[in-house]
N, C-alpha and C. Protein backbone atom coordinates (compact mmCIF):
# COMPACT_ATOMS: atom_id res chain seq x y z
N MET A 1 19.83 -21.75 32.37
CA MET A 1 19.46 -22.27 33.05
C MET A 1 17.53 -23.18 32.84
N SER A 2 17.68 -24.74 32.54
CA SER A 2 16.50 -25.21 32.30
C SER A 2 15.76 -25.14 32.93
N SER A 3 14.12 -25.43 32.42
CA SER A 3 13.07 -24.83 33.26
C SER A 3 12.70 -25.80 34.04
N LEU A 4 13.54 -27.05 34.15
CA LEU A 4 13.03 -28.11 34.11
C LEU A 4 13.53 -28.38 35.73
N THR A 5 14.88 -27.42 36.16
CA THR A 5 15.42 -27.95 36.82
C THR A 5 15.73 -26.56 37.88
N THR A 6 15.64 -26.79 39.51
CA THR A 6 15.89 -25.58 39.86
C THR A 6 16.92 -25.06 40.23
N CYS A 7 17.33 -23.67 40.55
CA CYS A 7 18.61 -22.83 41.18
C CYS A 7 19.44 -23.83 42.30
N ASN A 8 20.34 -23.36 42.44
CA ASN A 8 21.07 -23.41 43.45
C ASN A 8 21.04 -23.22 44.86
N TYR A 9 20.23 -22.05 44.07
CA TYR A 9 19.61 -21.06 45.43
C TYR A 9 18.18 -22.16 46.03
N CYS A 10 17.92 -22.41 45.53
CA CYS A 10 15.98 -22.96 45.64
C CYS A 10 16.87 -24.17 46.10
N ASP A 11 17.95 -25.16 45.76
CA ASP A 11 18.45 -26.21 46.01
C ASP A 11 18.81 -26.47 47.14
N LEU A 12 19.64 -25.04 47.77
CA LEU A 12 20.36 -24.86 49.24
C LEU A 12 19.15 -24.85 50.05
N LYS A 13 17.99 -23.84 49.67
CA LYS A 13 17.17 -23.42 50.86
C LYS A 13 16.35 -25.14 50.91
N ALA A 14 16.13 -25.84 49.85
CA ALA A 14 15.23 -27.01 50.44
C ALA A 14 16.42 -28.13 51.39
N LEU A 15 17.36 -27.90 50.83
CA LEU A 15 17.99 -28.61 52.06
C LEU A 15 18.36 -28.10 53.43
N LYS A 16 17.98 -26.87 53.10
CA LYS A 16 17.91 -25.90 55.18
C LYS A 16 16.54 -26.49 55.81
N SER A 17 16.05 -26.53 54.88
CA SER A 17 14.20 -26.83 55.74
C SER A 17 14.27 -28.24 55.50
N ARG A 18 15.18 -29.33 54.90
CA ARG A 18 14.92 -30.90 55.61
C ARG A 18 16.13 -31.05 56.61
N ALA A 19 17.05 -30.00 57.02
CA ALA A 19 18.08 -30.52 58.17
C ALA A 19 17.45 -30.02 59.23
N GLU A 20 16.70 -29.38 58.87
CA GLU A 20 15.93 -28.05 60.51
C GLU A 20 14.75 -30.07 60.34
N ARG A 21 14.02 -30.07 59.47
CA ARG A 21 12.53 -31.23 60.01
C ARG A 21 13.39 -32.45 60.39
N GLU A 22 14.90 -33.03 59.60
CA GLU A 22 15.71 -33.64 60.47
C GLU A 22 16.50 -33.55 61.98
N GLY A 23 17.00 -32.33 62.29
CA GLY A 23 17.00 -32.17 63.36
C GLY A 23 18.69 -32.16 62.87
N LYS A 24 19.14 -31.81 62.14
CA LYS A 24 20.14 -31.81 61.37
C LYS A 24 21.40 -30.42 61.41
N ILE A 25 22.16 -30.63 61.12
CA ILE A 25 23.02 -29.23 60.58
C ILE A 25 23.28 -29.17 59.22
N LEU A 26 23.07 -28.06 58.69
CA LEU A 26 24.17 -28.00 57.67
C LEU A 26 24.48 -27.06 56.77
N LYS A 27 25.69 -27.80 56.85
CA LYS A 27 27.13 -27.12 56.70
C LYS A 27 27.65 -26.77 55.25
N VAL A 28 28.29 -25.60 54.48
CA VAL A 28 28.96 -25.51 53.96
C VAL A 28 30.06 -25.00 53.96
N THR A 29 31.04 -25.55 52.91
CA THR A 29 32.47 -25.28 52.98
C THR A 29 32.66 -25.06 51.80
N PRO A 30 34.30 -24.67 51.38
CA PRO A 30 35.02 -24.38 50.28
C PRO A 30 35.51 -25.10 49.87
N SER A 31 35.10 -25.66 49.01
CA SER A 31 35.22 -27.29 48.01
C SER A 31 37.29 -27.31 47.47
N ASP A 32 37.63 -28.32 48.28
CA ASP A 32 39.10 -27.85 47.21
C ASP A 32 38.96 -28.73 46.22
N PHE A 33 38.14 -28.89 45.23
CA PHE A 33 37.64 -29.27 43.94
C PHE A 33 38.61 -28.81 43.29
N GLN A 34 39.38 -28.65 42.36
CA GLN A 34 39.93 -27.72 41.89
C GLN A 34 39.46 -26.60 40.77
N LEU A 35 37.83 -27.15 40.69
CA LEU A 35 37.02 -25.39 39.92
C LEU A 35 36.39 -24.69 41.33
N GLY A 36 36.86 -25.75 42.37
CA GLY A 36 36.42 -24.07 43.65
C GLY A 36 34.71 -24.54 43.91
N GLY A 37 34.34 -23.73 44.11
CA GLY A 37 32.83 -24.24 44.85
C GLY A 37 32.76 -24.34 46.01
N LYS A 38 31.22 -25.25 46.33
CA LYS A 38 31.05 -25.16 47.98
C LYS A 38 30.79 -26.82 48.05
N GLU A 39 31.07 -27.11 49.07
CA GLU A 39 30.71 -28.67 49.58
C GLU A 39 29.28 -28.61 50.79
N ILE A 40 28.73 -29.48 49.82
CA ILE A 40 26.94 -29.32 51.18
C ILE A 40 27.36 -30.52 51.60
N TYR A 41 27.03 -30.47 53.34
CA TYR A 41 26.83 -31.61 54.56
C TYR A 41 26.31 -31.77 55.34
N LEU A 42 24.93 -32.36 55.15
CA LEU A 42 24.44 -32.43 56.35
C LEU A 42 24.68 -33.42 57.71
N LEU A 43 24.98 -32.79 58.53
CA LEU A 43 26.13 -33.55 59.82
C LEU A 43 24.27 -33.86 60.90
N PRO A 44 24.47 -34.86 61.87
CA PRO A 44 23.95 -34.88 62.84
C PRO A 44 24.43 -33.84 63.83
N SER A 45 23.36 -33.60 65.13
CA SER A 45 23.26 -32.56 65.95
C SER A 45 24.68 -32.43 66.91
N GLU A 46 25.21 -33.56 67.09
CA GLU A 46 26.34 -33.98 67.73
C GLU A 46 27.93 -33.36 66.98
N GLU A 47 27.37 -33.80 65.64
CA GLU A 47 29.07 -33.68 64.71
C GLU A 47 28.92 -32.20 65.03
N THR A 48 30.20 -32.03 64.29
CA THR A 48 30.88 -31.10 64.38
C THR A 48 31.86 -30.66 63.42
N GLU A 49 32.61 -32.18 62.81
CA GLU A 49 33.40 -31.81 61.62
C GLU A 49 32.29 -33.05 60.77
N PRO A 50 32.56 -31.93 59.38
CA PRO A 50 32.11 -33.04 57.93
C PRO A 50 32.86 -33.70 57.69
N THR A 51 32.39 -35.48 57.16
CA THR A 51 32.98 -36.41 57.07
C THR A 51 32.35 -36.84 55.68
N ASP A 52 33.09 -37.72 54.69
CA ASP A 52 32.35 -38.46 53.61
C ASP A 52 30.97 -39.08 53.45
N GLN A 53 31.00 -39.62 54.32
CA GLN A 53 29.67 -40.06 54.77
C GLN A 53 28.29 -38.80 55.67
N HIS A 54 28.50 -37.62 55.30
CA HIS A 54 27.65 -36.09 55.31
C HIS A 54 27.14 -35.87 54.44
N TRP A 55 28.23 -35.96 53.36
CA TRP A 55 27.86 -35.59 51.92
C TRP A 55 26.69 -35.47 51.45
N VAL A 56 26.37 -34.30 51.04
CA VAL A 56 25.23 -34.35 49.74
C VAL A 56 25.23 -34.26 48.80
N THR A 57 26.55 -32.52 48.24
CA THR A 57 26.30 -32.50 47.19
C THR A 57 27.49 -31.28 47.05
N TRP A 58 27.81 -31.06 46.02
CA TRP A 58 28.67 -30.20 45.43
C TRP A 58 27.23 -28.88 44.48
N MET A 59 28.08 -27.77 44.93
CA MET A 59 27.58 -26.39 44.02
C MET A 59 29.24 -25.77 43.78
N LEU A 60 28.61 -24.80 42.36
CA LEU A 60 29.80 -24.17 42.15
C LEU A 60 29.34 -22.58 42.42
N GLU A 61 28.59 -22.21 42.46
CA GLU A 61 27.93 -21.00 42.90
C GLU A 61 26.90 -20.66 43.24
N ILE A 62 26.91 -20.57 44.58
CA ILE A 62 25.69 -20.40 45.04
C ILE A 62 25.12 -18.66 45.32
N PRO A 63 23.94 -18.32 44.50
CA PRO A 63 23.49 -17.07 44.18
C PRO A 63 22.81 -16.71 45.21
N ASP A 64 22.54 -14.94 45.32
CA ASP A 64 22.16 -14.53 46.94
C ASP A 64 20.58 -14.71 46.80
N HIS A 65 20.42 -14.91 45.51
CA HIS A 65 18.91 -14.56 45.10
C HIS A 65 18.52 -15.84 43.87
N CYS A 66 17.04 -15.94 44.43
CA CYS A 66 16.86 -17.13 43.26
C CYS A 66 16.97 -17.05 41.75
N VAL A 67 17.19 -17.73 40.96
CA VAL A 67 17.40 -17.62 38.77
C VAL A 67 17.10 -18.70 38.36
N CYS A 68 15.61 -19.04 39.32
CA CYS A 68 15.36 -20.20 38.52
C CYS A 68 14.37 -19.49 37.40
């Protein structure tokens, strides 16, 4: 990993903080993409199902600790 980028763990942690600040819900779902991975969505608190307009990013793997 480059020393100029953050790992997916840290990126997800930052997205969780953003969701809390904005009063939104962070939702991580399995991806239908052929490589697998996870789809990350930021939903308004009143929404329950993610749509394309809520999509933030795709992550192949999310480690259980920082690997920056």
